Amino acid sequence: MREIPKVELHLHHEGAAPPAFIRGLAKEKGVDLSGIFREDGSYAFRDFVHFLSVYEAATSVLTSPEDYARLTRAVLEESAANGVVYSETFLSPDFCGGGDVDAWRDYLAAIREAAEEAERDFGITLRGIVTCIRHFGPEAAKPIALCAAETVGDWLTGFGMAGDEMKGKPADFTWAFDCAREAGLRLTVHAGEWGGAKSVRDALVALRPERIGHGVQSIDDLALVDDLAEQGIVLECCPGSNVALGVYPGWSAHPIQRLRDRGVKVTVSTDDPPFFHTTMTAEYENLAATFGWGEEDFAEINANAIDAAFCDEATKDKIRKKLGDRT
């Protein structure tokens, strides 16, 4: 499974930080983060809301463009080791310069430079998606959308929203998404992880994304599932994350296969891999063990992912060659 070339569309940049990397950075800066780690060195959290606070605590030691450059290289080295040949990562100017466009440009330049070095050294291609943070509120999302609009290009290609989907309504964020859309950014939004099928419907109506982050609770509304299939909305599924956080009690209860059976285009990602003790290799192994997925299934998943990727056609063609006849 490790050797299968893979495409990943749903990866939070800070959430992919290896715990050892964050511990080392905290030690360099004299910051005590011992409370966010278990005795075995892994991240410690009780539930989703606590996970968000631990995530933000870990992120607090990432305070400069150079820190993010180092993080980028560490994340991409780990992804490449698990067969990922193309990845899209969620980046938030909230954490990279506090929403200031000039500061954000400096962070983005450092991340991109590190990504280009990783592509040369590890053979993995990265593109960026700016995300506003839902629980920070709609007003805080506006400068984040402006940061995205000011830096859209061949590398920064998407805009989305992450965070606690139980806070506010998708319609509250219309201004930010309209701003991003008008700038030419492609759109995704987290929904249907915690807010039920209705949160997916609300996001589709208010924000008009072409992809949904998670979206798995759509399965509770089969009319919605059929709409997703008919409209070609792609779901960025993260089964290991959903199981680790208790969205579903185990892999066998996860609806990814049922969604496929009804014609929905699904993809597979890790979300925040070290938090959830997963990798893309582990995701594939669990999907094979639980649902009997084989080479043709993974080829379909990767074809869905590269077709739905927010990069240009030349990059897609390059990645398809790496995927070879598996798609």
Protein backbone atom coordinates (compact mmCIF):
# COMPACT_ATOMS: atom_id res chain seq x y z
CA MET A 1 0.00 0.00 0.00
CA ARG A 2 2.87 2.37 0.74
CA GLU A 3 4.13 2.09 -2.82
CA ILE A 4 0.84 3.02 -4.49
CA PRO A 5 1.14 6.61 -5.81
CA LYS A 6 -1.51 8.68 -4.08
CA VAL A 7 -3.28 12.04 -4.37
CA GLU A 8 -4.35 13.82 -1.18
CA LEU A 9 -6.71 16.81 -1.20
CA HIS A 10 -7.56 17.39 2.48
CA LEU A 11 -4.54 18.10 4.67
CA HIS A 12 -4.22 20.79 7.31
CA HIS A 13 -0.70 22.16 7.21
CA GLU A 14 -0.21 22.71 10.95
CA GLY A 15 -2.28 19.60 11.71
CA ALA A 16 0.24 17.53 9.77
CA ALA A 17 3.13 18.72 11.95
CA PRO A 18 4.95 15.74 13.48
CA PRO A 19 4.77 15.98 17.29
CA ALA A 20 8.56 15.73 17.53
CA PHE A 21 8.85 18.74 15.23
CA ILE A 22 6.54 20.85 17.42
CA ARG A 23 8.27 19.70 20.62
CA GLY A 24 11.65 20.59 19.16
CA LEU A 25 10.48 24.01 18.03
CA ALA A 26 8.92 24.68 21.44
CA LYS A 27 12.19 23.73 23.15
CA GLU A 28 14.15 26.07 20.86
CA LYS A 29 11.83 28.92 21.84
CA GLY A 30 11.55 28.09 25.52
CA VAL A 31 7.81 27.43 25.31
CA ASP A 32 6.23 24.81 27.58
CA LEU A 33 3.78 22.74 25.55
CA SER A 34 4.02 19.63 27.71
CA GLY A 35 0.29 19.73 28.40
CA ILE A 36 -0.63 18.93 24.79
CA PHE A 37 1.33 15.67 24.59
CA ARG A 38 0.77 12.18 25.96
CA GLU A 39 3.52 10.25 27.68
CA ASP A 40 4.31 8.47 24.42
CA GLY A 41 4.91 11.84 22.76
CA SER A 42 1.74 11.94 20.68
CA TYR A 43 -0.80 14.75 20.77
CA ALA A 44 -3.34 14.53 23.62
CA PHE A 45 -6.97 15.59 23.23
CA ARG A 46 -10.35 14.45 24.55
CA ASP A 47 -12.79 15.36 21.80
CA PHE A 48 -13.16 17.56 18.73
CA VAL A 49 -13.43 20.87 20.58
CA HIS A 50 -10.41 20.01 22.72
CA PHE A 51 -8.59 18.90 19.58
CA LEU A 52 -9.08 22.40 18.14
CA SER A 53 -7.52 23.98 21.23
CA VAL A 54 -4.57 21.57 21.17
CA TYR A 55 -4.14 22.27 17.44
CA GLU A 56 -4.00 26.01 18.10
CA ALA A 57 -1.56 25.52 20.99
CA ALA A 58 0.77 23.51 18.77
CA THR A 59 0.48 26.16 16.08
CA SER A 60 1.44 28.88 18.56
CA VAL A 61 5.15 28.03 18.27
CA LEU A 62 5.06 28.53 14.49
CA THR A 63 5.79 32.24 14.51
CA SER A 64 7.89 33.02 11.43
CA PRO A 65 8.11 32.24 7.72
CA GLU A 66 11.21 30.17 8.44
CA ASP A 67 9.22 28.05 10.92
CA TYR A 68 6.66 27.36 8.21
CA ALA A 69 9.36 26.55 5.68
CA ARG A 70 10.76 23.94 8.07
CA LEU A 71 7.26 22.63 8.75
CA THR A 72 6.52 22.33 5.04
CA ARG A 73 9.59 20.24 4.42
CA ALA A 74 8.83 17.96 7.38
CA VAL A 75 5.21 17.46 6.28
CA LEU A 76 6.07 16.75 2.66
CA GLU A 77 8.87 14.34 3.52
CA GLU A 78 6.40 12.31 5.58
CA SER A 79 3.70 12.44 2.89
CA ALA A 80 6.13 11.38 0.17
CA ALA A 81 7.30 8.48 2.32
CA ASN A 82 3.71 7.22 2.19
CA GLY A 83 3.46 7.40 -1.59
CA VAL A 84 1.78 10.80 -1.95
CA VAL A 85 2.76 12.36 -5.28
CA TYR A 86 0.36 15.33 -5.14
CA SER A 87 -1.07 17.11 -2.14
CA GLU A 88 -3.19 20.15 -1.41
CA THR A 89 -2.73 21.76 1.97
CA PHE A 90 -4.96 24.11 3.95
CA LEU A 91 -3.16 27.29 4.99
CA SER A 92 -4.60 30.03 7.15
CA PRO A 93 -3.28 33.59 7.15
CA ASP A 94 -4.75 33.75 10.68
CA PHE A 95 -1.74 31.68 11.73
CA CYS A 96 0.62 33.10 9.09
CA GLY A 97 0.83 36.80 9.81
CA GLY A 98 -2.47 37.39 11.58
CA GLY A 99 -4.42 38.22 8.44
CA ASP A 100 -2.04 40.97 7.28
CA VAL A 101 -1.55 40.69 3.52
CA ASP A 102 2.11 41.75 3.51
CA ALA A 103 3.00 39.35 6.30
CA TRP A 104 1.02 36.60 4.59
CA ARG A 105 3.05 37.12 1.40
CA ASP A 106 6.25 36.48 3.34
CA TYR A 107 4.88 33.27 4.86
CA LEU A 108 3.51 32.09 1.53
CA ALA A 109 6.83 32.70 -0.22
CA ALA A 110 8.66 30.64 2.42
CA ILE A 111 6.15 27.79 2.20
CA ARG A 112 6.25 27.75 -1.57
CA GLU A 113 10.05 27.78 -1.69
CA ALA A 114 10.17 24.84 0.73
CA ALA A 115 7.54 23.02 -1.33
CA GLU A 116 9.59 23.45 -4.49
CA GLU A 117 12.65 22.06 -2.70
CA ALA A 118 10.59 19.10 -1.49
CA GLU A 119 9.33 18.45 -5.01
CA ARG A 120 12.93 18.33 -6.20
CA ASP A 121 14.09 16.12 -3.31
CA PHE A 122 11.07 13.89 -2.65
CA GLY A 123 9.05 14.00 -5.89
CA ILE A 124 5.88 15.37 -4.28
CA THR A 125 3.95 18.31 -5.71
CA LEU A 126 2.11 20.69 -3.35
CA ARG A 127 -0.54 23.37 -3.93
CA GLY A 128 -2.11 25.69 -1.36
CA ILE A 129 -5.69 26.40 -0.31
CA VAL A 130 -6.33 29.35 1.98
CA THR A 131 -8.86 28.64 4.72
CA CYS A 132 -10.74 30.95 6.98
CA ILE A 133 -11.53 29.59 10.45
CA ARG A 134 -15.24 29.20 11.04
CA HIS A 135 -15.22 29.61 14.82
CA PHE A 136 -13.27 32.86 14.47
CA GLY A 137 -16.43 34.33 12.89
CA PRO A 138 -17.48 35.86 9.56
CA GLU A 139 -15.81 39.23 10.10
CA ALA A 140 -12.47 37.54 10.72
CA ALA A 141 -12.96 35.61 7.47
CA LYS A 142 -13.00 38.76 5.34
CA PRO A 143 -9.30 39.71 5.62
CA ILE A 144 -8.42 36.04 5.10
CA ALA A 145 -10.34 36.04 1.83
CA LEU A 146 -8.57 39.24 0.83
CA CYS A 147 -5.21 37.60 1.56
CA ALA A 148 -6.21 34.74 -0.72
CA ALA A 149 -7.47 37.07 -3.44
CA GLU A 150 -4.22 39.07 -3.37
CA THR A 151 -2.03 35.98 -3.78
CA VAL A 152 -4.05 33.75 -6.13
CA GLY A 153 -1.93 32.16 -8.82
CA ASP A 154 -0.58 28.90 -10.14
CA TRP A 155 0.44 27.76 -6.63
CA LEU A 156 -2.22 29.30 -4.36
CA THR A 157 -5.30 28.03 -6.14
CA GLY A 158 -8.15 27.50 -3.66
CA PHE A 159 -10.16 28.93 -0.79
CA GLY A 160 -12.13 27.13 1.89
CA MET A 161 -13.32 27.12 5.46
CA ALA A 162 -12.25 24.88 8.34
CA GLY A 163 -12.85 24.94 12.09
CA ASP A 164 -15.88 24.20 14.24
CA GLU A 165 -18.81 23.74 11.86
CA MET A 166 -21.25 24.01 14.75
CA LYS A 167 -20.45 27.74 14.98
CA GLY A 168 -22.53 30.07 12.83
CA LYS A 169 -24.09 29.29 9.45
CA PRO A 170 -22.49 28.92 6.02
CA ALA A 171 -24.49 31.92 4.82
CA ASP A 172 -22.62 34.08 7.35
CA PHE A 173 -19.50 33.62 5.24
CA THR A 174 -20.96 34.52 1.85
CA TRP A 175 -18.86 37.70 1.53
CA ALA A 176 -15.59 35.83 2.00
CA PHE A 177 -16.50 33.12 -0.49
CA ASP A 178 -17.78 35.60 -3.05
CA CYS A 179 -14.53 37.55 -2.72
CA ALA A 180 -12.49 34.40 -3.31
CA ARG A 181 -14.67 33.27 -6.20
CA GLU A 182 -14.39 36.63 -7.95
CA ALA A 183 -10.60 36.43 -7.61
CA GLY A 184 -10.61 33.12 -9.49
CA LEU A 185 -10.03 30.81 -6.54
CA ARG A 186 -11.71 27.42 -6.51
CA LEU A 187 -13.83 26.60 -3.51
CA THR A 188 -14.18 23.90 -0.88
CA VAL A 189 -15.77 23.98 2.56
CA HIS A 190 -15.84 21.70 5.59
CA ALA A 191 -19.37 20.41 6.18
CA GLY A 192 -21.10 17.19 7.15
CA GLU A 193 -18.45 16.13 9.63
CA TRP A 194 -20.39 17.25 12.72
CA GLY A 195 -23.30 19.36 11.48
CA GLY A 196 -25.28 16.59 9.80
CA ALA A 197 -26.55 16.35 6.25
CA LYS A 198 -28.23 19.74 6.60
CA SER A 199 -24.85 21.43 7.02
CA VAL A 200 -23.81 20.07 3.62
CA ARG A 201 -27.01 21.27 1.98
CA ASP A 202 -26.64 24.70 3.59
CA ALA A 203 -23.03 25.00 2.45
CA LEU A 204 -23.90 24.05 -1.13
CA VAL A 205 -26.71 26.60 -1.31
CA ALA A 206 -24.94 29.50 0.40
CA LEU A 207 -21.32 29.07 -0.72
CA ARG A 208 -21.49 27.02 -3.93
CA PRO A 209 -18.27 25.01 -3.50
CA GLU A 210 -17.19 22.34 -5.95
CA ARG A 211 -15.80 20.14 -3.19
CA ILE A 212 -16.91 19.39 0.35
CA GLY A 213 -14.44 18.65 3.12
CA HIS A 214 -15.64 15.45 4.82
CA GLY A 215 -19.34 15.55 3.83
CA VAL A 216 -19.83 12.02 5.10
CA GLN A 217 -22.99 12.76 7.09
CA SER A 218 -24.70 13.37 3.76
CA ILE A 219 -25.44 9.65 3.90
CA ASP A 220 -28.30 10.41 6.30
CA ASP A 221 -30.19 12.22 3.51
CA LEU A 222 -30.26 10.06 0.40
CA ALA A 223 -31.85 12.80 -1.69
CA LEU A 224 -28.82 14.93 -0.86
CA VAL A 225 -26.51 12.04 -1.73
CA ASP A 226 -28.17 11.75 -5.13
CA ASP A 227 -27.82 15.51 -5.63
CA LEU A 228 -24.09 15.29 -4.84
CA ALA A 229 -23.73 12.52 -7.41
CA GLU A 230 -25.74 14.36 -10.04
CA GLN A 231 -23.88 17.65 -9.54
CA GLY A 232 -20.46 16.00 -9.44
CA ILE A 233 -19.62 17.43 -6.01
CA VAL A 234 -16.48 15.71 -4.78
CA LEU A 235 -16.14 14.67 -1.13
CA GLU A 236 -12.77 14.93 0.59
CA CYS A 237 -13.27 11.93 2.87
CA CYS A 238 -10.96 11.32 5.83
CA PRO A 239 -12.10 8.01 7.31
CA GLY A 240 -9.31 7.63 9.87
CA SER A 241 -10.02 11.09 11.22
CA ASN A 242 -13.74 10.38 11.46
CA VAL A 243 -13.12 7.17 13.39
CA ALA A 244 -10.49 8.72 15.68
CA LEU A 245 -12.80 11.61 16.61
CA GLY A 246 -15.86 9.39 17.08
CA VAL A 247 -17.93 10.62 14.16
CA TYR A 248 -18.30 6.90 13.46
CA PRO A 249 -17.62 4.12 15.99
CA GLY A 250 -15.37 2.14 13.66
CA TRP A 251 -14.22 1.65 10.09
CA SER A 252 -17.05 -0.73 9.22
CA ALA A 253 -19.59 1.98 10.10
CA HIS A 254 -17.98 4.58 7.87
CA PRO A 255 -20.21 5.47 4.87
CA ILE A 256 -17.50 5.95 2.24
CA GLN A 257 -18.46 2.77 0.37
CA ARG A 258 -22.18 3.52 0.56
CA LEU A 259 -21.53 6.97 -0.88
CA ARG A 260 -19.58 5.39 -3.73
CA ASP A 261 -22.34 2.89 -4.34
CA ARG A 262 -24.77 5.78 -4.96
CA GLY A 263 -22.43 7.44 -7.44
CA VAL A 264 -20.78 10.10 -5.28
CA LYS A 265 -17.19 10.91 -6.19
CA VAL A 266 -15.13 10.36 -3.07
CA THR A 267 -11.44 10.86 -2.35
CA VAL A 268 -9.26 9.79 0.58
CA SER A 269 -7.13 12.00 2.81
CA THR A 270 -5.64 12.05 6.30
CA ASP A 271 -6.88 15.44 7.61
CA ASP A 272 -4.44 15.91 10.54
CA PRO A 273 -2.46 12.66 10.36
CA PRO A 274 -0.28 12.68 13.51
CA PHE A 275 -3.22 13.76 15.66
CA PHE A 276 -5.24 10.79 14.42
CA HIS A 277 -2.39 8.27 14.28
CA THR A 278 -2.78 7.75 10.56
CA THR A 279 -0.96 8.04 7.25
CA MET A 280 -2.13 7.66 3.68
CA THR A 281 -0.67 4.15 3.79
CA ALA A 282 -2.75 3.34 6.88
CA GLU A 283 -5.89 4.77 5.26
CA TYR A 284 -5.43 2.51 2.26
CA GLU A 285 -4.69 -0.51 4.42
CA ASN A 286 -7.84 0.04 6.48
CA LEU A 287 -9.99 0.58 3.39
CA ALA A 288 -8.66 -2.64 1.88
CA ALA A 289 -9.21 -4.59 5.11
CA THR A 290 -12.69 -3.17 5.80
CA PHE A 291 -14.27 -2.87 2.36
CA GLY A 292 -12.09 -5.16 0.26
CA TRP A 293 -10.78 -2.32 -1.87
CA GLY A 294 -8.17 -3.35 -4.39
CA GLU A 295 -6.12 -1.79 -7.16
CA GLU A 296 -9.11 -0.74 -9.27
CA ASP A 297 -10.80 0.97 -6.33
CA PHE A 298 -7.70 2.95 -5.42
CA ALA A 299 -7.19 3.86 -9.08
CA GLU A 300 -10.72 5.27 -9.16
CA ILE A 301 -10.17 7.22 -5.95
CA ASN A 302 -6.97 8.76 -7.25
CA ALA A 303 -8.56 9.57 -10.61
CA ASN A 304 -11.36 11.35 -8.76
CA ALA A 305 -8.81 13.26 -6.72
CA ILE A 306 -6.59 14.47 -9.54
CA ASP A 307 -9.64 15.39 -11.64
CA ALA A 308 -10.94 17.46 -8.70
CA ALA A 309 -7.57 18.98 -7.79
CA PHE A 310 -7.31 22.76 -7.83
CA CYS A 311 -4.13 22.82 -9.94
CA ASP A 312 -3.77 23.59 -13.65
CA GLU A 313 -4.07 21.00 -16.40
CA ALA A 314 -0.32 20.82 -17.01
CA THR A 315 0.22 19.84 -13.38
CA LYS A 316 -2.62 17.32 -13.57
CA ASP A 317 -1.07 15.72 -16.64
CA LYS A 318 2.26 15.46 -14.83
CA ILE A 319 0.62 13.77 -11.84
CA ARG A 320 -1.41 11.42 -14.03
CA LYS A 321 1.85 10.17 -15.53
CA LYS A 322 3.07 9.38 -12.03
CA LEU A 323 -0.16 7.55 -11.30
CA GLY A 324 0.35 5.65 -14.55
CA ASP A 325 -2.10 3.00 -15.61
CA ARG A 326 -3.42 2.75 -12.04
CA THR A 327 -6.02 5.41 -13.00
